Amino acid sequence: MPDYRKFQVSVNGRAEFAAFLSNLTDREMKQRIDETLDLLKERPDAGDLVKHELWPEAYRKLGLDNMFRIEVGKARE
């Protein structure tokens, strides 16, 4: 596993995601999302690599090299 500590990694999201997160009332889900964002800062390659042909069209236009999918999970009932 690569050591990403020597890099300064930032995790960014779209304005829609920031609005969603700030308005989220489910504390448990918000905590899991925050923990996932912290994980991504430490390991940007966490999650499952998504094959390029499965990317939504909007993401193909961004000129990305790769895309990973990470499941945050559902709230417990």
Protein backbone atom coordinates (compact mmCIF):
# COMPACT_ATOMS: atom_id res chain seq x y z
CA MET A 1 0.00 0.00 0.00
CA PRO A 2 1.41 3.42 -0.94
CA ASP A 3 2.32 5.86 1.83
CA TYR A 4 0.37 9.06 1.16
CA ARG A 5 1.61 10.90 4.27
CA LYS A 6 4.29 12.67 2.23
CA PHE A 7 1.59 14.22 0.03
CA GLN A 8 -0.81 16.96 0.96
CA VAL A 9 -4.15 15.41 0.04
CA SER A 10 -7.36 17.41 -0.03
CA VAL A 11 -10.84 16.01 -0.44
CA ASN A 12 -13.27 18.23 -2.31
CA GLY A 13 -16.91 17.95 -3.19
CA ARG A 14 -19.43 19.82 -5.24
CA ALA A 15 -21.55 22.62 -3.77
CA GLU A 16 -24.58 20.32 -3.90
CA PHE A 17 -22.80 17.81 -1.68
CA ALA A 18 -21.74 20.51 0.78
CA ALA A 19 -25.36 21.70 1.00
CA PHE A 20 -26.57 18.12 1.48
CA LEU A 21 -24.02 17.48 4.23
CA SER A 22 -24.70 20.70 6.09
CA ASN A 23 -28.47 20.05 6.05
CA LEU A 24 -28.19 16.39 7.01
CA THR A 25 -30.14 15.71 10.22
CA ASP A 26 -29.17 12.06 10.61
CA ARG A 27 -26.23 12.37 13.03
CA GLU A 28 -25.07 8.79 12.51
CA MET A 29 -24.96 9.18 8.72
CA LYS A 30 -23.17 12.53 9.01
CA GLN A 31 -20.58 10.92 11.29
CA ARG A 32 -20.03 8.05 8.83
CA ILE A 33 -19.61 10.51 5.96
CA ASP A 34 -17.11 12.57 7.99
CA GLU A 35 -15.17 9.39 8.86
CA THR A 36 -15.14 8.39 5.19
CA LEU A 37 -13.83 11.82 4.18
CA ASP A 38 -11.06 11.50 6.79
CA LEU A 39 -10.19 8.04 5.43
CA LEU A 40 -9.95 9.46 1.91
CA LYS A 41 -7.51 12.12 3.12
CA GLU A 42 -5.25 9.33 4.40
CA ARG A 43 -5.87 6.87 1.56
CA PRO A 44 -7.13 8.51 -1.64
CA ASP A 45 -7.31 5.09 -3.29
CA ALA A 46 -9.68 3.61 -0.69
CA GLY A 47 -12.70 1.88 -2.13
CA ASP A 48 -13.33 0.01 -5.34
CA LEU A 49 -11.78 1.10 -8.63
CA VAL A 50 -14.53 1.88 -11.15
CA LYS A 51 -13.89 0.78 -14.73
CA HIS A 52 -13.79 3.76 -17.08
CA GLU A 53 -16.62 2.41 -19.25
CA LEU A 54 -18.92 2.50 -16.20
CA TRP A 55 -18.33 6.19 -15.45
CA PRO A 56 -21.30 8.55 -15.91
CA GLU A 57 -20.86 10.82 -18.94
CA ALA A 58 -20.46 13.93 -16.77
CA TYR A 59 -17.38 12.42 -15.08
CA ARG A 60 -15.78 11.30 -18.34
CA LYS A 61 -15.61 14.94 -19.43
CA LEU A 62 -13.59 15.96 -16.34
CA GLY A 63 -10.33 14.44 -17.56
CA LEU A 64 -9.90 12.21 -14.51
CA ASP A 65 -7.34 9.41 -14.46
CA ASN A 66 -9.30 7.13 -12.17
CA MET A 67 -12.39 6.91 -10.00
CA PHE A 68 -13.03 4.96 -6.83
CA ARG A 69 -16.36 4.05 -5.24
CA ILE A 70 -16.64 3.81 -1.49
CA GLU A 71 -19.77 2.72 0.35
CA VAL A 72 -20.66 4.79 3.38
CA GLY A 73 -23.44 2.48 4.51
CA LYS A 74 -27.04 2.81 5.59
CA ALA A 75 -28.36 4.06 8.88
CA ARG A 76 -29.13 1.37 11.42
CA GLU A 77 -32.78 0.89 12.22
